[in-house]
Amino acid sequence: MVLYNTMNLDNLKELGLSSGQIQVYAAVLDLGISTLNKIQEKTGIERRNIYDILNKLIEAGLISYTVEKGKRTYQCTHPNKLLQEIKERERKLKDLEEQIPSIKNLFELSKPDIKAEVFRGNEAIKSLFEEILDYKESFWLGGNSFEGYQAVPQNLQIWFEHWMTRRIENKHVMHDLVSYGSSLKGFEPTNIKKHKQAYYKYCTLPKDMYVPMVIIIFGNKVAQVLWSQQSFAFILESDKIKQSFMKYFNYFWKNPY
């Protein structure tokens, strides 16, 4: 149990520090010059673990020590060391960002004719939706507005509303061919004016063709999404498969009910 009360240093995790390392660093920062016993009292961490943590922090240059009468005392190095680590991390990330075009090229070259992916969980679904915005338009077949907004958690619904706002800002056209009687909040069938302003096109499937799963077609990908508390998506990447699904989509879109 942590017994000290100091600033929240959880962001040090961004520099690769573990929770234990952050606790020990914060304790030494709070104590100033400190002994192993004092650090243990502050953090509640077992003595043998504190040794390992201190050694790693010393290796990282975040803590230094002196020996007095055969005993070590510890103190934090100047905070500029943290600033140096941040700048070095930023430099490496910048270098990585510059490599992304090359990585994309290799990714495209290594693609099989048909590629399949699984997206499991809401964070993965968010990643899928972010990818959709890379394209000018998408085609949505089936679905019933998250099963009446009951199937997914509230935080995902809020995130989707923000995603819709960004979609509109990007002028991404959403062709929505939904299960009969379904509509997204704020995009009811009668709100034609908003549809035009929001790059949104609406149509419904026949009454007897209820499809709880939504199929999203974008680029040369077909995503089949099943909504739940932790949603699931299966994606096929193939131009032939995409064209097959578009035939179904276009048939019902040209014959709206």
C-alpha atoms as a PDB file:
ATOM      1  CA  MET A   1       0.000   0.000   0.000  1.00  0.00           C
ATOM      2  CA  VAL A   2       1.361   3.429  -0.960  1.00  0.00           C
ATOM      3  CA  LEU A   3       1.579   5.673   2.093  1.00  0.00           C
ATOM      4  CA  TYR A   4       2.868   8.893   0.580  1.00  0.00           C
ATOM      5  CA  ASN A   5       0.842  11.677  -0.942  1.00  0.00           C
ATOM      6  CA  THR A   6       2.519  13.320  -3.909  1.00  0.00           C
ATOM      7  CA  MET A   7       1.828  14.318  -7.501  1.00  0.00           C
ATOM      8  CA  ASN A   8       0.465  11.765  -9.931  1.00  0.00           C
ATOM      9  CA  LEU A   9       3.415  10.387 -11.896  1.00  0.00           C
ATOM     10  CA  ASP A  10       1.529   7.671 -13.785  1.00  0.00           C
ATOM     11  CA  ASN A  11       2.548   9.272 -17.076  1.00  0.00           C
ATOM     12  CA  LEU A  12       6.056   7.954 -16.464  1.00  0.00           C
ATOM     13  CA  LYS A  13       4.675   4.700 -17.865  1.00  0.00           C
ATOM     14  CA  GLU A  14       5.044   6.385 -21.265  1.00  0.00           C
ATOM     15  CA  LEU A  15       8.819   6.191 -20.714  1.00  0.00           C
ATOM     16  CA  GLY A  16       8.623   2.462 -20.035  1.00  0.00           C
ATOM     17  CA  LEU A  17       8.579   2.581 -16.231  1.00  0.00           C
ATOM     18  CA  SER A  18       6.579  -0.052 -14.384  1.00  0.00           C
ATOM     19  CA  SER A  19       4.116   0.758 -11.589  1.00  0.00           C
ATOM     20  CA  GLY A  20       6.654  -0.368  -8.992  1.00  0.00           C
ATOM     21  CA  GLN A  21       9.384   1.807 -10.508  1.00  0.00           C
ATOM     22  CA  ILE A  22       7.059   4.808 -10.496  1.00  0.00           C
ATOM     23  CA  GLN A  23       6.175   4.208  -6.829  1.00  0.00           C
ATOM     24  CA  VAL A  24       9.820   4.002  -5.821  1.00  0.00           C
ATOM     25  CA  TYR A  25      10.807   7.038  -7.914  1.00  0.00           C
ATOM     26  CA  ALA A  26       7.942   9.059  -6.435  1.00  0.00           C
ATOM     27  CA  ALA A  27       8.917   7.989  -2.895  1.00  0.00           C
ATOM     28  CA  VAL A  28      12.552   9.015  -3.361  1.00  0.00           C
ATOM     29  CA  LEU A  29      11.430  12.275  -4.967  1.00  0.00           C
ATOM     30  CA  ASP A  30       9.206  12.929  -1.945  1.00  0.00           C
ATOM     31  CA  LEU A  31      11.824  11.931   0.660  1.00  0.00           C
ATOM     32  CA  GLY A  32      14.867  13.548  -0.880  1.00  0.00           C
ATOM     33  CA  ILE A  33      17.943  11.626   0.325  1.00  0.00           C
ATOM     34  CA  SER A  34      16.506   8.308   1.460  1.00  0.00           C
ATOM     35  CA  THR A  35      17.525   4.939   2.807  1.00  0.00           C
ATOM     36  CA  LEU A  36      16.153   1.589   1.719  1.00  0.00           C
ATOM     37  CA  ASN A  37      14.131   1.329   4.929  1.00  0.00           C
ATOM     38  CA  LYS A  38      12.484   4.710   4.392  1.00  0.00           C
ATOM     39  CA  ILE A  39      11.605   3.830   0.801  1.00  0.00           C
ATOM     40  CA  GLN A  40      10.050   0.585   1.979  1.00  0.00           C
ATOM     41  CA  GLU A  41       7.996   2.424   4.602  1.00  0.00           C
ATOM     42  CA  LYS A  42       6.740   4.859   1.978  1.00  0.00           C
ATOM     43  CA  THR A  43       5.848   2.309  -0.687  1.00  0.00           C
ATOM     44  CA  GLY A  44       5.036  -0.894   1.184  1.00  0.00           C
ATOM     45  CA  ILE A  45       6.981  -2.812  -1.472  1.00  0.00           C
ATOM     46  CA  GLU A  46       8.962  -5.852  -0.306  1.00  0.00           C
ATOM     47  CA  ARG A  47      12.613  -5.132   0.442  1.00  0.00           C
ATOM     48  CA  ARG A  48      14.017  -7.590  -2.106  1.00  0.00           C
ATOM     49  CA  ASN A  49      11.856  -6.065  -4.865  1.00  0.00           C
ATOM     50  CA  ILE A  50      12.957  -2.550  -3.964  1.00  0.00           C
ATOM     51  CA  TYR A  51      16.596  -3.563  -4.539  1.00  0.00           C
ATOM     52  CA  ASP A  52      15.782  -4.699  -8.078  1.00  0.00           C
ATOM     53  CA  ILE A  53      13.687  -1.608  -8.801  1.00  0.00           C
ATOM     54  CA  LEU A  54      16.349   0.776  -7.503  1.00  0.00           C
ATOM     55  CA  ASN A  55      19.033  -0.899  -9.600  1.00  0.00           C
ATOM     56  CA  LYS A  56      16.898  -0.486 -12.739  1.00  0.00           C
ATOM     57  CA  LEU A  57      16.238   3.173 -11.941  1.00  0.00           C
ATOM     58  CA  ILE A  58      19.970   3.697 -11.372  1.00  0.00           C
ATOM     59  CA  GLU A  59      20.725   2.053 -14.732  1.00  0.00           C
ATOM     60  CA  ALA A  60      18.155   4.359 -16.342  1.00  0.00           C
ATOM     61  CA  GLY A  61      19.908   7.368 -14.812  1.00  0.00           C
ATOM     62  CA  LEU A  62      16.838   8.469 -12.850  1.00  0.00           C
ATOM     63  CA  ILE A  63      18.241   7.731  -9.380  1.00  0.00           C
ATOM     64  CA  SER A  64      21.779   8.008  -7.994  1.00  0.00           C
ATOM     65  CA  TYR A  65      23.276   6.783  -4.720  1.00  0.00           C
ATOM     66  CA  THR A  66      26.104   7.482  -2.309  1.00  0.00           C
ATOM     67  CA  VAL A  67      27.701   5.203   0.276  1.00  0.00           C
ATOM     68  CA  GLU A  68      28.101   6.501   3.815  1.00  0.00           C
ATOM     69  CA  LYS A  69      29.518   4.274   6.541  1.00  0.00           C
ATOM     70  CA  GLY A  70      28.872   1.234   4.402  1.00  0.00           C
ATOM     71  CA  LYS A  71      25.198   2.110   3.762  1.00  0.00           C
ATOM     72  CA  ARG A  72      23.637   3.365   0.572  1.00  0.00           C
ATOM     73  CA  THR A  73      21.432   6.407   0.416  1.00  0.00           C
ATOM     74  CA  TYR A  74      19.414   7.239  -2.686  1.00  0.00           C
ATOM     75  CA  GLN A  75      18.218  10.406  -4.389  1.00  0.00           C
ATOM     76  CA  CYS A  76      16.661  11.376  -7.695  1.00  0.00           C
ATOM     77  CA  THR A  77      18.855  12.778 -10.430  1.00  0.00           C
ATOM     78  CA  HIS A  78      17.961  16.162 -11.927  1.00  0.00           C
ATOM     79  CA  PRO A  79      14.539  16.118 -13.682  1.00  0.00           C
ATOM     80  CA  ASN A  80      16.298  17.188 -16.874  1.00  0.00           C
ATOM     81  CA  LYS A  81      17.093  13.499 -17.278  1.00  0.00           C
ATOM     82  CA  LEU A  82      13.365  12.890 -17.723  1.00  0.00           C
ATOM     83  CA  LEU A  83      13.226  15.690 -20.272  1.00  0.00           C
ATOM     84  CA  GLN A  84      16.096  14.075 -22.181  1.00  0.00           C
ATOM     85  CA  GLU A  85      14.249  10.744 -22.183  1.00  0.00           C
ATOM     86  CA  ILE A  86      11.092  12.430 -23.496  1.00  0.00           C
ATOM     87  CA  LYS A  87      13.011  14.164 -26.303  1.00  0.00           C
ATOM     88  CA  GLU A  88      14.747  10.910 -27.221  1.00  0.00           C
ATOM     89  CA  ARG A  89      11.401   9.103 -27.309  1.00  0.00           C
ATOM     90  CA  GLU A  90       9.964  11.879 -29.514  1.00  0.00           C
ATOM     91  CA  ARG A  91      12.951  11.600 -31.866  1.00  0.00           C
ATOM     92  CA  LYS A  92      12.510   7.830 -32.200  1.00  0.00           C
ATOM     93  CA  LEU A  93       8.782   8.229 -32.820  1.00  0.00           C
ATOM     94  CA  LYS A  94       9.512  10.867 -35.467  1.00  0.00           C
ATOM     95  CA  ASP A  95      11.951   8.479 -37.165  1.00  0.00           C
ATOM     96  CA  LEU A  96       9.311   5.749 -37.046  1.00  0.00           C
ATOM     97  CA  GLU A  97       6.712   8.096 -38.519  1.00  0.00           C
ATOM     98  CA  GLU A  98       9.037   8.803 -41.446  1.00  0.00           C
ATOM     99  CA  GLN A  99       9.335   5.049 -42.041  1.00  0.00           C
ATOM    100  CA  ILE A 100       5.565   4.525 -42.306  1.00  0.00           C
ATOM    101  CA  PRO A 101       5.432   4.992 -46.122  1.00  0.00           C
ATOM    102  CA  SER A 102       8.073   2.277 -46.548  1.00  0.00           C
ATOM    103  CA  ILE A 103       6.244   0.018 -44.119  1.00  0.00           C
ATOM    104  CA  LYS A 104       3.024   0.578 -46.061  1.00  0.00           C
ATOM    105  CA  ASN A 105       4.756  -0.363 -49.302  1.00  0.00           C
ATOM    106  CA  LEU A 106       6.044  -3.609 -47.808  1.00  0.00           C
ATOM    107  CA  PHE A 107       2.605  -4.272 -46.348  1.00  0.00           C
ATOM    108  CA  GLU A 108       0.963  -3.875 -49.757  1.00  0.00           C
ATOM    109  CA  LEU A 109       3.554  -6.075 -51.492  1.00  0.00           C
ATOM    110  CA  SER A 110       3.113  -8.907 -48.995  1.00  0.00           C
ATOM    111  CA  LYS A 111      -0.691  -9.050 -49.236  1.00  0.00           C
ATOM    112  CA  PRO A 112      -2.231 -12.368 -50.311  1.00  0.00           C
ATOM    113  CA  ASP A 113      -5.059 -12.415 -52.886  1.00  0.00           C
ATOM    114  CA  ILE A 114      -7.553 -12.916 -50.065  1.00  0.00           C
ATOM    115  CA  LYS A 115      -6.752 -11.681 -46.590  1.00  0.00           C
ATOM    116  CA  ALA A 116      -8.821 -12.375 -43.482  1.00  0.00           C
ATOM    117  CA  GLU A 117      -8.641 -10.537 -40.164  1.00  0.00           C
ATOM    118  CA  VAL A 118     -10.469 -10.754 -36.837  1.00  0.00           C
ATOM    119  CA  PHE A 119     -11.176  -7.678 -34.720  1.00  0.00           C
ATOM    120  CA  ARG A 120     -12.248  -8.646 -31.202  1.00  0.00           C
ATOM    121  CA  GLY A 121     -13.306  -6.128 -28.552  1.00  0.00           C
ATOM    122  CA  ASN A 122     -14.451  -2.522 -28.650  1.00  0.00           C
ATOM    123  CA  GLU A 123     -10.974  -0.995 -28.943  1.00  0.00           C
ATOM    124  CA  ALA A 124     -10.323  -3.170 -31.987  1.00  0.00           C
ATOM    125  CA  ILE A 125     -13.668  -2.090 -33.476  1.00  0.00           C
ATOM    126  CA  LYS A 126     -12.658   1.550 -33.000  1.00  0.00           C
ATOM    127  CA  SER A 127      -9.463   0.830 -34.918  1.00  0.00           C
ATOM    128  CA  LEU A 128     -11.543  -0.677 -37.734  1.00  0.00           C
ATOM    129  CA  PHE A 129     -13.771   2.398 -37.891  1.00  0.00           C
ATOM    130  CA  GLU A 130     -10.729   4.684 -37.991  1.00  0.00           C
ATOM    131  CA  GLU A 131      -9.548   2.780 -41.059  1.00  0.00           C
ATOM    132  CA  ILE A 132     -12.934   3.301 -42.739  1.00  0.00           C
ATOM    133  CA  LEU A 133     -12.341   7.055 -42.648  1.00  0.00           C
ATOM    134  CA  ASP A 134      -9.310   6.581 -44.896  1.00  0.00           C
ATOM    135  CA  TYR A 135     -11.758   6.066 -47.779  1.00  0.00           C
ATOM    136  CA  LYS A 136     -14.151   8.471 -49.498  1.00  0.00           C
ATOM    137  CA  GLU A 137     -17.244   6.321 -48.908  1.00  0.00           C
ATOM    138  CA  SER A 138     -18.536   3.179 -47.249  1.00  0.00           C
ATOM    139  CA  PHE A 139     -21.561   0.966 -47.778  1.00  0.00           C
ATOM    140  CA  TRP A 140     -23.464  -0.444 -44.781  1.00  0.00           C
ATOM    141  CA  LEU A 141     -25.747  -3.421 -45.259  1.00  0.00           C
ATOM    142  CA  GLY A 142     -28.072  -4.642 -42.494  1.00  0.00           C
ATOM    143  CA  GLY A 143     -27.769  -3.867 -38.845  1.00  0.00           C
ATOM    144  CA  ASN A 144     -30.375  -2.264 -36.639  1.00  0.00           C
ATOM    145  CA  SER A 145     -28.649   0.603 -34.857  1.00  0.00           C
ATOM    146  CA  PHE A 146     -26.732  -1.473 -32.312  1.00  0.00           C
ATOM    147  CA  GLU A 147     -29.895  -3.552 -31.743  1.00  0.00           C
ATOM    148  CA  GLY A 148     -31.839  -0.520 -30.689  1.00  0.00           C
ATOM    149  CA  TYR A 149     -28.812   0.930 -28.867  1.00  0.00           C
ATOM    150  CA  GLN A 150     -29.052  -1.939 -26.352  1.00  0.00           C
ATOM    151  CA  ALA A 151     -26.214  -4.214 -27.508  1.00  0.00           C
ATOM    152  CA  VAL A 152     -23.174  -1.980 -26.967  1.00  0.00           C
ATOM    153  CA  PRO A 153     -22.006  -0.040 -23.877  1.00  0.00           C
ATOM    154  CA  GLN A 154     -22.746   3.645 -23.488  1.00  0.00           C
ATOM    155  CA  ASN A 155     -19.120   4.719 -23.933  1.00  0.00           C
ATOM    156  CA  LEU A 156     -18.975   3.057 -27.369  1.00  0.00           C
ATOM    157  CA  GLN A 157     -22.192   4.808 -28.399  1.00  0.00           C
ATOM    158  CA  ILE A 158     -20.677   8.162 -27.401  1.00  0.00           C
ATOM    159  CA  TRP A 159     -17.476   7.339 -29.284  1.00  0.00           C
ATOM    160  CA  PHE A 160     -19.507   6.446 -32.383  1.00  0.00           C
ATOM    161  CA  GLU A 161     -21.283   9.821 -32.267  1.00  0.00           C
ATOM    162  CA  HIS A 162     -17.877  11.551 -32.258  1.00  0.00           C
ATOM    163  CA  TRP A 163     -16.794   9.271 -35.099  1.00  0.00           C
ATOM    164  CA  MET A 164     -19.856  10.343 -37.095  1.00  0.00           C
ATOM    165  CA  THR A 165     -18.882  13.986 -36.549  1.00  0.00           C
ATOM    166  CA  ARG A 166     -15.375  13.330 -37.841  1.00  0.00           C
ATOM    167  CA  ARG A 167     -16.818  11.370 -40.763  1.00  0.00           C
ATOM    168  CA  ILE A 168     -18.849  14.429 -41.760  1.00  0.00           C
ATOM    169  CA  GLU A 169     -15.812  16.702 -41.381  1.00  0.00           C
ATOM    170  CA  ASN A 170     -13.914  14.355 -43.707  1.00  0.00           C
ATOM    171  CA  LYS A 171     -16.837  14.440 -46.193  1.00  0.00           C
ATOM    172  CA  HIS A 172     -16.929  10.647 -46.085  1.00  0.00           C
ATOM    173  CA  VAL A 173     -20.187   9.450 -47.670  1.00  0.00           C
ATOM    174  CA  MET A 174     -22.033   6.782 -45.673  1.00  0.00           C
ATOM    175  CA  HIS A 175     -24.543   4.688 -47.660  1.00  0.00           C
ATOM    176  CA  ASP A 176     -26.721   3.086 -44.971  1.00  0.00           C
ATOM    177  CA  LEU A 177     -28.960   0.195 -46.070  1.00  0.00           C
ATOM    178  CA  VAL A 178     -30.421  -0.856 -42.719  1.00  0.00           C
ATOM    179  CA  SER A 179     -32.885  -3.406 -41.397  1.00  0.00           C
ATOM    180  CA  TYR A 180     -36.487  -2.232 -41.758  1.00  0.00           C
ATOM    181  CA  GLY A 181     -37.584   0.232 -39.060  1.00  0.00           C
ATOM    182  CA  SER A 182     -34.035   1.047 -37.919  1.00  0.00           C
ATOM    183  CA  SER A 183     -32.270   4.375 -37.938  1.00  0.00           C
ATOM    184  CA  LEU A 184     -29.387   6.096 -36.216  1.00  0.00           C
ATOM    185  CA  LYS A 185     -30.106   8.742 -33.600  1.00  0.00           C
ATOM    186  CA  GLY A 186     -30.387  12.118 -35.305  1.00  0.00           C
ATOM    187  CA  PHE A 187     -30.585  10.503 -38.748  1.00  0.00           C
ATOM    188  CA  GLU A 188     -34.228   9.497 -38.846  1.00  0.00           C
ATOM    189  CA  PRO A 189     -35.622   8.787 -42.370  1.00  0.00           C
ATOM    190  CA  THR A 190     -37.632  12.007 -42.454  1.00  0.00           C
ATOM    191  CA  ASN A 191     -34.612  14.210 -41.711  1.00  0.00           C
ATOM    192  CA  ILE A 192     -33.598  14.465 -45.375  1.00  0.00           C
ATOM    193  CA  LYS A 193     -32.043  17.910 -44.989  1.00  0.00           C
ATOM    194  CA  LYS A 194     -29.622  16.687 -42.351  1.00  0.00           C
ATOM    195  CA  HIS A 195     -28.828  13.608 -44.439  1.00  0.00           C
ATOM    196  CA  LYS A 196     -27.627  15.819 -47.301  1.00  0.00           C
ATOM    197  CA  GLN A 197     -25.603  18.061 -45.006  1.00  0.00           C
ATOM    198  CA  ALA A 198     -24.033  15.063 -43.269  1.00  0.00           C
ATOM    199  CA  TYR A 199     -23.000  13.095 -46.378  1.00  0.00           C
ATOM    200  CA  TYR A 200     -25.421  10.380 -45.317  1.00  0.00           C
ATOM    201  CA  LYS A 201     -27.680   8.296 -47.560  1.00  0.00           C
ATOM    202  CA  TYR A 202     -30.434   6.107 -46.147  1.00  0.00           C
ATOM    203  CA  CYS A 203     -32.418   3.115 -47.382  1.00  0.00           C
ATOM    204  CA  THR A 204     -34.026   0.046 -45.773  1.00  0.00           C
ATOM    205  CA  LEU A 205     -34.144  -3.658 -46.475  1.00  0.00           C
ATOM    206  CA  PRO A 206     -37.485  -5.476 -46.917  1.00  0.00           C
ATOM    207  CA  LYS A 207     -39.606  -5.989 -43.791  1.00  0.00           C
ATOM    208  CA  ASP A 208     -39.005  -9.737 -43.713  1.00  0.00           C
ATOM    209  CA  MET A 209     -35.221  -9.400 -44.124  1.00  0.00           C
ATOM    210  CA  TYR A 210     -34.057  -8.725 -40.573  1.00  0.00           C
ATOM    211  CA  VAL A 211     -30.234  -8.678 -40.363  1.00  0.00           C
ATOM    212  CA  PRO A 212     -28.826  -8.001 -36.858  1.00  0.00           C
ATOM    213  CA  MET A 213     -25.248  -8.165 -38.117  1.00  0.00           C
ATOM    214  CA  VAL A 214     -24.012  -5.175 -40.091  1.00  0.00           C
ATOM    215  CA  ILE A 215     -21.837  -5.613 -43.168  1.00  0.00           C
ATOM    216  CA  ILE A 216     -19.557  -2.656 -43.965  1.00  0.00           C
ATOM    217  CA  ILE A 217     -17.957  -2.430 -47.400  1.00  0.00           C
ATOM    218  CA  PHE A 218     -15.059  -0.014 -47.875  1.00  0.00           C
ATOM    219  CA  GLY A 219     -12.081  -0.027 -50.200  1.00  0.00           C
ATOM    220  CA  ASN A 220     -11.722  -3.681 -51.198  1.00  0.00           C
ATOM    221  CA  LYS A 221     -12.716  -4.920 -47.731  1.00  0.00           C
ATOM    222  CA  VAL A 222     -15.897  -6.467 -46.366  1.00  0.00           C
ATOM    223  CA  ALA A 223     -16.336  -6.249 -42.601  1.00  0.00           C
ATOM    224  CA  GLN A 224     -18.994  -8.301 -40.827  1.00  0.00           C
ATOM    225  CA  VAL A 225     -19.653  -6.756 -37.427  1.00  0.00           C
ATOM    226  CA  LEU A 226     -21.646  -8.314 -34.600  1.00  0.00           C
ATOM    227  CA  TRP A 227     -22.511  -5.833 -31.845  1.00  0.00           C
ATOM    228  CA  SER A 228     -22.205  -6.818 -28.165  1.00  0.00           C
ATOM    229  CA  GLN A 229     -20.630  -5.557 -24.937  1.00  0.00           C
ATOM    230  CA  GLN A 230     -17.320  -6.544 -26.564  1.00  0.00           C
ATOM    231  CA  SER A 231     -18.097  -6.371 -30.278  1.00  0.00           C
ATOM    232  CA  PHE A 232     -16.583  -8.674 -32.884  1.00  0.00           C
ATOM    233  CA  ALA A 233     -15.732  -8.194 -36.568  1.00  0.00           C
ATOM    234  CA  PHE A 234     -14.519 -10.519 -39.298  1.00  0.00           C
ATOM    235  CA  ILE A 235     -12.912  -8.780 -42.284  1.00  0.00           C
ATOM    236  CA  LEU A 236     -12.231 -10.193 -45.708  1.00  0.00           C
ATOM    237  CA  GLU A 237      -9.986  -8.257 -48.066  1.00  0.00           C
ATOM    238  CA  SER A 238     -10.577  -9.261 -51.672  1.00  0.00           C
ATOM    239  CA  ASP A 239     -11.774  -7.276 -54.666  1.00  0.00           C
ATOM    240  CA  LYS A 240     -13.831 -10.232 -55.934  1.00  0.00           C
ATOM    241  CA  ILE A 241     -15.587 -10.705 -52.598  1.00  0.00           C
ATOM    242  CA  LYS A 242     -16.149  -6.949 -52.319  1.00  0.00           C
ATOM    243  CA  GLN A 243     -17.757  -6.860 -55.766  1.00  0.00           C
ATOM    244  CA  SER A 244     -20.006  -9.814 -54.858  1.00  0.00           C
ATOM    245  CA  PHE A 245     -21.326  -8.055 -51.759  1.00  0.00           C
ATOM    246  CA  MET A 246     -21.794  -4.825 -53.713  1.00  0.00           C
ATOM    247  CA  LYS A 247     -24.142  -6.677 -56.096  1.00  0.00           C
ATOM    248  CA  TYR A 248     -26.412  -7.533 -53.156  1.00  0.00           C
ATOM    249  CA  PHE A 249     -26.138  -3.991 -51.844  1.00  0.00           C
ATOM    250  CA  ASN A 250     -26.945  -2.372 -55.173  1.00  0.00           C
ATOM    251  CA  TYR A 251     -29.896  -4.691 -55.798  1.00  0.00           C
ATOM    252  CA  PHE A 252     -31.675  -3.609 -52.629  1.00  0.00           C
ATOM    253  CA  TRP A 253     -30.541  -0.011 -52.877  1.00  0.00           C
ATOM    254  CA  LYS A 254     -32.111   0.305 -56.319  1.00  0.00           C
ATOM    255  CA  ASN A 255     -35.272  -1.330 -55.035  1.00  0.00           C
ATOM    256  CA  PRO A 256     -35.911   0.440 -51.720  1.00  0.00           C
ATOM    257  CA  TYR A 257     -38.832  -0.640 -49.535  1.00  0.00           C
END
